């Protein structure tokens, strides 16, 4: 029997995207698109000192996915790949991440840019993006090395 894992949303992500049609598939394709992150009152103190970061990592739930596919044909390729070699949303655990620009804060509401998330998405966590921890210039991107740059325009 699988152990039950329960997450409690800490807030809601707001964006101009009410439907996946026409939505950017990665933050690199959402340059300049503004949104907000509304953190629930009970978690507001957790935002202390976040203002000094230019980017944050949003961890959220793909709340509109109702299935799980272990192999998918992603937007950036015509070949089928294993789900764990893609960022497709219909996953065993429907958890998504996006690195966005933090452009401001008003109390418990964060202003962000480069948002590629559906409006109303449940926020699970926020982590600061730290270049010394999160940037690996020599990293390999597998099959995406050929097509990853297309995320900007797809």
N, C-alpha and C. Protein backbone atom coordinates (compact mmCIF):
# COMPACT_ATOMS: atom_id res chain seq x y z
N UNK A 1 0.84 -1.19 0.00
CA UNK A 1 0.00 0.00 0.00
C UNK A 1 0.88 1.25 0.00
N UNK A 2 0.55 2.20 -0.85
CA UNK A 2 1.30 3.45 -0.94
C UNK A 2 1.01 4.32 0.28
N UNK A 3 2.05 4.97 0.82
CA UNK A 3 1.78 5.92 1.91
C UNK A 3 1.05 7.14 1.36
N UNK A 4 0.17 7.68 2.16
CA UNK A 4 -0.56 8.87 1.77
C UNK A 4 0.27 10.10 2.10
N UNK A 5 0.42 10.97 1.13
CA UNK A 5 1.15 12.22 1.32
C UNK A 5 0.14 13.34 1.11
N UNK A 6 0.05 14.22 2.08
CA UNK A 6 -0.91 15.31 2.00
C UNK A 6 -0.16 16.63 2.03
N UNK A 7 -0.48 17.49 1.08
CA UNK A 7 0.08 18.84 1.06
C UNK A 7 -1.04 19.83 1.31
N UNK A 8 -0.72 20.87 2.05
CA UNK A 8 -1.67 21.94 2.29
C UNK A 8 -1.19 23.16 1.51
N UNK A 9 -1.99 23.67 0.60
CA UNK A 9 -1.58 24.88 -0.12
C UNK A 9 -1.31 26.03 0.85
N UNK A 10 -0.29 26.81 0.52
CA UNK A 10 0.05 27.97 1.34
C UNK A 10 -0.45 29.26 0.71
N UNK A 11 -1.05 29.14 -0.47
CA UNK A 11 -1.55 30.32 -1.16
C UNK A 11 -2.03 29.96 -2.55
N UNK A 12 -2.18 31.00 -3.37
CA UNK A 12 -2.71 30.85 -4.72
C UNK A 12 -1.88 31.69 -5.69
N UNK A 13 -1.62 31.11 -6.85
CA UNK A 13 -0.90 31.82 -7.91
C UNK A 13 -1.93 32.44 -8.85
N UNK A 14 -1.77 33.72 -9.15
CA UNK A 14 -2.65 34.44 -10.06
C UNK A 14 -1.87 34.81 -11.33
N UNK A 15 -2.50 34.57 -12.47
CA UNK A 15 -1.87 34.88 -13.75
C UNK A 15 -2.95 35.25 -14.75
N UNK A 16 -2.54 35.71 -15.93
CA UNK A 16 -3.54 36.03 -16.96
C UNK A 16 -4.04 34.80 -17.71
N UNK A 17 -3.61 33.59 -17.32
CA UNK A 17 -3.94 32.38 -18.07
C UNK A 17 -5.05 31.59 -17.41
N UNK A 18 -6.24 31.65 -18.00
CA UNK A 18 -7.37 30.89 -17.47
C UNK A 18 -7.53 29.55 -18.17
N UNK A 19 -6.78 29.34 -19.24
CA UNK A 19 -6.86 28.11 -20.02
C UNK A 19 -5.45 27.77 -20.52
N UNK A 20 -5.17 26.48 -20.66
CA UNK A 20 -3.83 26.10 -21.12
C UNK A 20 -3.58 26.46 -22.58
N UNK A 21 -4.65 26.67 -23.35
CA UNK A 21 -4.47 27.07 -24.75
C UNK A 21 -3.79 28.44 -24.80
N UNK A 22 -2.67 28.49 -25.49
CA UNK A 22 -1.95 29.75 -25.64
C UNK A 22 -1.04 30.11 -24.49
N UNK A 23 -0.99 29.27 -23.48
CA UNK A 23 -0.15 29.54 -22.30
C UNK A 23 1.30 29.16 -22.60
N UNK A 24 2.27 29.94 -22.13
CA UNK A 24 3.67 29.55 -22.33
C UNK A 24 3.95 28.21 -21.62
N UNK A 25 4.91 27.45 -22.15
CA UNK A 25 5.18 26.14 -21.55
C UNK A 25 6.31 26.19 -20.52
N UNK A 26 7.03 27.27 -20.43
CA UNK A 26 8.09 27.44 -19.44
C UNK A 26 8.24 28.94 -19.16
N UNK A 27 8.82 29.31 -18.01
CA UNK A 27 9.02 30.74 -17.73
C UNK A 27 9.84 31.46 -18.80
N UNK A 28 10.75 30.75 -19.48
CA UNK A 28 11.55 31.41 -20.52
C UNK A 28 10.67 31.87 -21.69
N UNK A 29 9.51 31.27 -21.86
CA UNK A 29 8.58 31.69 -22.90
C UNK A 29 7.55 32.68 -22.41
N UNK A 30 7.66 33.07 -21.13
CA UNK A 30 6.69 33.98 -20.53
C UNK A 30 7.34 35.30 -20.12
N UNK A 31 8.43 35.65 -20.78
CA UNK A 31 9.17 36.86 -20.40
C UNK A 31 8.27 38.08 -20.32
N UNK A 32 8.28 38.72 -19.15
CA UNK A 32 7.53 39.95 -18.95
C UNK A 32 6.08 39.74 -18.54
N UNK A 33 5.57 38.53 -18.61
CA UNK A 33 4.17 38.30 -18.23
C UNK A 33 4.05 38.37 -16.71
N UNK A 34 3.18 39.27 -16.25
CA UNK A 34 3.05 39.55 -14.82
C UNK A 34 1.98 38.68 -14.17
N UNK A 35 2.21 38.40 -12.92
CA UNK A 35 1.24 37.68 -12.10
C UNK A 35 1.47 38.02 -10.64
N UNK A 36 0.70 37.41 -9.78
CA UNK A 36 0.89 37.60 -8.34
C UNK A 36 0.85 36.24 -7.64
N UNK A 37 1.44 36.23 -6.49
CA UNK A 37 1.40 35.06 -5.61
C UNK A 37 0.78 35.55 -4.31
N UNK A 38 -0.40 35.03 -4.01
CA UNK A 38 -1.12 35.44 -2.81
C UNK A 38 -0.88 34.38 -1.73
N UNK A 39 -0.11 34.73 -0.73
CA UNK A 39 0.21 33.80 0.36
C UNK A 39 -0.86 33.94 1.44
N UNK A 40 -1.34 32.83 1.94
CA UNK A 40 -2.36 32.84 2.99
C UNK A 40 -1.82 33.54 4.24
N UNK A 41 -2.73 34.21 4.94
CA UNK A 41 -2.37 35.01 6.12
C UNK A 41 -1.52 34.22 7.12
N UNK A 42 -1.86 32.98 7.34
CA UNK A 42 -1.16 32.19 8.36
C UNK A 42 0.30 31.91 7.99
N UNK A 43 0.68 32.13 6.72
CA UNK A 43 2.05 31.89 6.29
C UNK A 43 2.79 33.18 5.95
N UNK A 44 2.17 34.32 6.19
CA UNK A 44 2.75 35.62 5.81
C UNK A 44 4.11 35.87 6.45
N UNK A 45 4.30 35.47 7.69
CA UNK A 45 5.60 35.69 8.34
C UNK A 45 6.73 34.97 7.63
N UNK A 46 6.42 33.92 6.89
CA UNK A 46 7.43 33.18 6.14
C UNK A 46 8.02 33.96 4.99
N UNK A 47 7.42 35.10 4.64
CA UNK A 47 7.92 35.94 3.55
C UNK A 47 9.01 36.90 4.02
N UNK A 48 9.27 36.94 5.31
CA UNK A 48 10.29 37.83 5.86
C UNK A 48 11.63 37.60 5.16
N UNK A 49 12.24 38.67 4.68
CA UNK A 49 13.55 38.69 4.01
C UNK A 49 13.54 38.15 2.58
N UNK A 50 12.39 37.81 2.04
CA UNK A 50 12.33 37.33 0.65
C UNK A 50 12.57 38.48 -0.33
N UNK A 51 12.31 39.71 0.10
CA UNK A 51 12.42 40.89 -0.76
C UNK A 51 13.79 41.05 -1.42
N UNK A 52 14.85 40.54 -0.81
CA UNK A 52 16.20 40.72 -1.34
C UNK A 52 16.55 39.79 -2.48
N UNK A 53 15.66 38.89 -2.86
CA UNK A 53 15.94 37.95 -3.94
C UNK A 53 15.29 38.45 -5.24
N UNK A 54 15.99 38.29 -6.35
CA UNK A 54 15.44 38.72 -7.63
C UNK A 54 14.61 37.62 -8.30
N UNK A 55 14.85 36.39 -7.92
CA UNK A 55 14.09 35.26 -8.46
C UNK A 55 13.68 34.33 -7.33
N UNK A 56 12.53 33.70 -7.52
CA UNK A 56 12.05 32.71 -6.55
C UNK A 56 11.57 31.47 -7.31
N UNK A 57 11.57 30.37 -6.61
CA UNK A 57 11.09 29.11 -7.17
C UNK A 57 9.71 28.85 -6.59
N UNK A 58 8.72 28.75 -7.46
CA UNK A 58 7.36 28.43 -7.03
C UNK A 58 7.15 26.93 -7.20
N UNK A 59 6.66 26.29 -6.16
CA UNK A 59 6.33 24.87 -6.21
C UNK A 59 4.82 24.79 -6.05
N UNK A 60 4.16 24.14 -6.99
CA UNK A 60 2.70 24.19 -7.03
C UNK A 60 2.12 22.87 -7.52
N UNK A 61 0.80 22.81 -7.47
CA UNK A 61 0.09 21.62 -7.90
C UNK A 61 -0.55 21.86 -9.27
N UNK A 62 -0.35 20.92 -10.19
CA UNK A 62 -1.04 20.97 -11.47
C UNK A 62 -2.49 20.54 -11.22
N UNK A 63 -3.29 21.45 -10.73
CA UNK A 63 -4.63 21.13 -10.26
C UNK A 63 -5.65 20.79 -11.36
N UNK A 64 -5.31 21.04 -12.59
CA UNK A 64 -6.23 20.72 -13.69
C UNK A 64 -5.91 19.38 -14.36
N UNK A 65 -4.82 18.73 -13.97
CA UNK A 65 -4.47 17.43 -14.53
C UNK A 65 -5.25 16.34 -13.82
N UNK A 66 -5.87 15.49 -14.61
CA UNK A 66 -6.69 14.44 -14.03
C UNK A 66 -6.19 13.05 -14.38
N UNK A 67 -5.04 12.96 -15.04
CA UNK A 67 -4.51 11.66 -15.42
C UNK A 67 -3.01 11.65 -15.22
N UNK A 68 -2.44 10.48 -15.41
CA UNK A 68 -1.00 10.31 -15.32
C UNK A 68 -0.55 9.51 -16.52
N UNK A 69 0.38 10.04 -17.25
CA UNK A 69 0.95 9.36 -18.41
C UNK A 69 2.42 9.12 -18.13
N UNK A 70 2.89 7.89 -18.26
CA UNK A 70 4.30 7.59 -18.00
C UNK A 70 5.18 7.84 -19.21
N UNK A 71 4.57 7.88 -20.40
CA UNK A 71 5.29 8.29 -21.60
C UNK A 71 4.44 9.36 -22.29
N UNK A 72 5.11 10.39 -22.77
CA UNK A 72 4.41 11.52 -23.39
C UNK A 72 5.19 12.02 -24.61
N UNK A 73 4.49 12.69 -25.49
CA UNK A 73 5.13 13.41 -26.59
C UNK A 73 5.04 14.88 -26.22
N UNK A 74 6.14 15.47 -25.75
CA UNK A 74 6.09 16.85 -25.28
C UNK A 74 5.99 17.86 -26.42
N UNK A 75 5.65 19.08 -26.06
CA UNK A 75 5.48 20.16 -27.04
C UNK A 75 6.73 20.38 -27.88
N UNK A 76 7.90 20.16 -27.30
CA UNK A 76 9.14 20.51 -27.97
C UNK A 76 9.76 19.38 -28.79
N UNK A 77 9.03 18.28 -28.98
CA UNK A 77 9.60 17.17 -29.73
C UNK A 77 8.46 16.35 -30.34
N UNK A 78 8.79 15.56 -31.34
CA UNK A 78 7.79 14.68 -31.96
C UNK A 78 7.97 13.24 -31.48
N UNK A 79 9.01 12.99 -30.69
CA UNK A 79 9.27 11.66 -30.16
C UNK A 79 8.66 11.51 -28.77
N UNK A 80 8.38 10.27 -28.40
CA UNK A 80 7.84 9.97 -27.08
C UNK A 80 8.99 9.84 -26.09
N UNK A 81 8.79 10.38 -24.88
CA UNK A 81 9.80 10.33 -23.82
C UNK A 81 9.13 9.90 -22.53
N UNK A 82 9.91 9.35 -21.62
CA UNK A 82 9.39 9.04 -20.29
C UNK A 82 9.03 10.33 -19.56
N UNK A 83 7.98 10.30 -18.78
CA UNK A 83 7.49 11.49 -18.07
C UNK A 83 8.59 12.17 -17.26
N UNK A 84 9.50 11.37 -16.68
CA UNK A 84 10.54 11.95 -15.82
C UNK A 84 11.66 12.61 -16.62
N UNK A 85 11.62 12.47 -17.94
CA UNK A 85 12.57 13.15 -18.82
C UNK A 85 11.91 14.37 -19.47
N UNK A 86 10.75 14.77 -18.94
CA UNK A 86 10.02 15.93 -19.46
C UNK A 86 9.52 16.78 -18.29
N UNK A 87 8.93 17.89 -18.64
CA UNK A 87 8.25 18.71 -17.65
C UNK A 87 6.75 18.73 -17.88
N UNK A 88 6.25 17.71 -18.54
CA UNK A 88 4.81 17.60 -18.79
C UNK A 88 4.05 17.55 -17.46
N UNK A 89 2.85 18.13 -17.42
CA UNK A 89 2.12 18.25 -16.15
C UNK A 89 1.41 16.99 -15.65
N UNK A 90 1.03 16.09 -16.52
CA UNK A 90 0.26 14.91 -16.08
C UNK A 90 1.22 13.83 -15.59
N UNK A 91 1.56 13.93 -14.31
CA UNK A 91 2.61 13.13 -13.69
C UNK A 91 2.03 12.31 -12.54
N UNK A 92 2.78 11.32 -12.04
CA UNK A 92 2.28 10.55 -10.89
C UNK A 92 1.93 11.44 -9.70
N UNK A 93 2.78 12.41 -9.41
CA UNK A 93 2.48 13.44 -8.40
C UNK A 93 2.47 14.75 -9.16
N UNK A 94 1.35 15.39 -9.24
CA UNK A 94 1.17 16.54 -10.11
C UNK A 94 1.76 17.81 -9.52
N UNK A 95 3.09 17.79 -9.38
CA UNK A 95 3.82 18.91 -8.79
C UNK A 95 4.59 19.63 -9.88
N UNK A 96 4.46 20.94 -9.91
CA UNK A 96 5.17 21.76 -10.88
C UNK A 96 6.10 22.74 -10.20
N UNK A 97 7.08 23.20 -10.94
CA UNK A 97 7.99 24.24 -10.45
C UNK A 97 8.18 25.29 -11.54
N UNK A 98 8.35 26.51 -11.13
CA UNK A 98 8.67 27.60 -12.04
C UNK A 98 9.60 28.57 -11.32
N UNK A 99 10.64 28.99 -12.02
CA UNK A 99 11.53 30.03 -11.51
C UNK A 99 11.05 31.33 -12.12
N UNK A 100 10.58 32.24 -11.28
CA UNK A 100 10.02 33.51 -11.75
C UNK A 100 10.79 34.68 -11.15
N UNK A 101 10.64 35.84 -11.77
CA UNK A 101 11.25 37.06 -11.21
C UNK A 101 10.35 37.62 -10.13
N UNK A 102 10.93 37.96 -9.02
CA UNK A 102 10.21 38.63 -7.94
C UNK A 102 10.36 40.13 -8.18
N UNK A 103 9.25 40.80 -8.48
CA UNK A 103 9.31 42.22 -8.85
C UNK A 103 8.79 43.14 -7.75
N UNK A 104 8.18 42.58 -6.72
CA UNK A 104 7.69 43.42 -5.64
C UNK A 104 6.94 42.61 -4.60
N UNK A 105 6.67 43.29 -3.50
CA UNK A 105 5.91 42.66 -2.42
C UNK A 105 5.05 43.71 -1.74
N UNK A 106 3.79 43.37 -1.51
CA UNK A 106 2.89 44.21 -0.77
C UNK A 106 2.23 43.32 0.28
N UNK A 107 2.81 43.32 1.47
CA UNK A 107 2.31 42.44 2.53
C UNK A 107 2.52 40.99 2.16
N UNK A 108 1.42 40.26 2.04
CA UNK A 108 1.52 38.84 1.71
C UNK A 108 1.28 38.54 0.24
N UNK A 109 1.29 39.59 -0.59
CA UNK A 109 1.12 39.43 -2.04
C UNK A 109 2.45 39.75 -2.73
N UNK A 110 2.95 38.78 -3.47
CA UNK A 110 4.19 38.94 -4.22
C UNK A 110 3.85 39.26 -5.67
N UNK A 111 4.50 40.24 -6.23
CA UNK A 111 4.38 40.52 -7.66
C UNK A 111 5.51 39.77 -8.35
N UNK A 112 5.16 39.05 -9.42
CA UNK A 112 6.15 38.25 -10.13
C UNK A 112 6.05 38.52 -11.62
N UNK A 113 7.10 38.16 -12.34
CA UNK A 113 7.11 38.25 -13.80
C UNK A 113 7.66 36.95 -14.36
N UNK A 114 7.39 36.73 -15.63
CA UNK A 114 7.78 35.51 -16.34
C UNK A 114 6.98 34.32 -15.83
N UNK A 115 5.71 34.54 -15.56
CA UNK A 115 4.84 33.50 -14.98
C UNK A 115 4.24 32.62 -16.09
N UNK A 116 4.32 31.33 -15.90
CA UNK A 116 3.81 30.35 -16.89
C UNK A 116 2.84 29.38 -16.23
N UNK A 117 2.03 29.87 -15.31
CA UNK A 117 1.18 29.03 -14.47
C UNK A 117 -0.28 29.45 -14.67
N UNK A 118 -1.19 28.48 -14.63
CA UNK A 118 -2.61 28.78 -14.75
C UNK A 118 -3.11 29.61 -13.56
N UNK A 119 -4.01 30.52 -13.83
CA UNK A 119 -4.62 31.32 -12.77
C UNK A 119 -5.35 30.41 -11.78
N UNK A 120 -5.17 30.68 -10.50
CA UNK A 120 -5.85 29.91 -9.46
C UNK A 120 -5.10 28.66 -9.02
N UNK A 121 -3.88 28.50 -9.49
CA UNK A 121 -3.09 27.32 -9.14
C UNK A 121 -2.73 27.33 -7.65
N UNK A 122 -2.94 26.20 -6.96
CA UNK A 122 -2.56 26.12 -5.54
C UNK A 122 -1.04 26.13 -5.37
N UNK A 123 -0.57 27.04 -4.54
CA UNK A 123 0.85 27.16 -4.23
C UNK A 123 1.20 26.25 -3.06
N UNK A 124 2.22 25.43 -3.24
CA UNK A 124 2.65 24.51 -2.18
C UNK A 124 3.84 25.04 -1.39
N UNK A 125 4.74 25.76 -2.06
CA UNK A 125 5.92 26.27 -1.36
C UNK A 125 6.61 27.32 -2.22
N UNK A 126 7.46 28.10 -1.59
CA UNK A 126 8.31 29.10 -2.25
C UNK A 126 9.72 28.88 -1.73
N UNK A 127 10.67 28.90 -2.65
CA UNK A 127 12.07 28.83 -2.25
C UNK A 127 12.82 29.93 -2.98
N UNK A 128 13.83 30.51 -2.35
CA UNK A 128 14.61 31.52 -3.06
C UNK A 128 15.50 30.86 -4.10
N UNK A 129 15.63 31.49 -5.25
CA UNK A 129 16.58 31.04 -6.26
C UNK A 129 17.93 31.62 -5.87
N UNK A 130 18.92 30.75 -5.73
CA UNK A 130 20.27 31.17 -5.34
C UNK A 130 21.23 30.71 -6.43
N UNK A 131 21.78 31.63 -7.22
CA UNK A 131 22.65 31.22 -8.33
C UNK A 131 23.78 30.26 -7.91
N UNK A 132 24.37 30.47 -6.75
CA UNK A 132 25.46 29.60 -6.31
C UNK A 132 24.99 28.18 -6.04
N UNK A 133 23.69 28.01 -5.76
CA UNK A 133 23.13 26.68 -5.48
C UNK A 133 22.43 26.08 -6.70
N UNK A 134 21.78 26.93 -7.50
CA UNK A 134 20.82 26.46 -8.49
C UNK A 134 21.29 26.55 -9.94
N UNK A 135 22.45 27.09 -10.20
CA UNK A 135 22.91 27.28 -11.58
C UNK A 135 24.12 26.38 -11.85
N UNK A 136 23.98 25.53 -12.86
CA UNK A 136 25.04 24.61 -13.25
C UNK A 136 25.30 24.78 -14.75
N UNK A 137 26.20 25.70 -15.12
CA UNK A 137 26.42 25.98 -16.54
C UNK A 137 26.87 24.77 -17.36
N UNK A 138 27.48 23.78 -16.72
CA UNK A 138 27.96 22.61 -17.46
C UNK A 138 26.95 21.46 -17.48
N UNK A 139 25.74 21.68 -16.99
CA UNK A 139 24.72 20.64 -16.95
C UNK A 139 24.27 20.25 -18.36
N UNK A 140 23.90 18.98 -18.52
CA UNK A 140 23.40 18.50 -19.80
C UNK A 140 21.88 18.41 -19.75
N UNK A 141 21.23 18.62 -20.88
CA UNK A 141 19.77 18.65 -20.93
C UNK A 141 19.20 17.52 -21.78
N UNK A 142 19.93 16.43 -21.93
CA UNK A 142 19.41 15.26 -22.63
C UNK A 142 18.83 15.61 -23.99
N UNK A 143 17.66 15.04 -24.29
CA UNK A 143 17.01 15.27 -25.58
C UNK A 143 16.64 16.73 -25.80
N UNK A 144 16.54 17.51 -24.72
CA UNK A 144 16.16 18.92 -24.85
C UNK A 144 17.31 19.81 -25.34
N UNK A 145 18.52 19.29 -25.37
CA UNK A 145 19.62 20.09 -25.87
C UNK A 145 19.37 20.51 -27.32
N UNK A 146 18.66 19.66 -28.06
CA UNK A 146 18.34 19.94 -29.46
C UNK A 146 17.20 20.94 -29.60
N UNK A 147 16.20 20.90 -28.71
CA UNK A 147 14.98 21.70 -28.90
C UNK A 147 14.63 22.62 -27.73
N UNK A 148 15.36 22.57 -26.64
CA UNK A 148 15.01 23.35 -25.46
C UNK A 148 14.88 24.83 -25.70
N UNK A 149 15.69 25.38 -26.59
CA UNK A 149 15.63 26.81 -26.88
C UNK A 149 14.27 27.23 -27.46
N UNK A 150 13.51 26.27 -27.99
CA UNK A 150 12.21 26.58 -28.59
C UNK A 150 11.15 26.92 -27.56
N UNK A 151 11.40 26.66 -26.27
CA UNK A 151 10.42 26.96 -25.24
C UNK A 151 10.06 28.45 -25.22
N UNK A 152 10.96 29.27 -25.68
CA UNK A 152 10.73 30.72 -25.72
C UNK A 152 9.58 31.06 -26.67
N UNK A 153 9.41 30.26 -27.73
CA UNK A 153 8.42 30.60 -28.75
C UNK A 153 7.24 29.64 -28.84
N UNK A 154 7.25 28.56 -28.08
CA UNK A 154 6.16 27.57 -28.19
C UNK A 154 5.10 27.85 -27.15
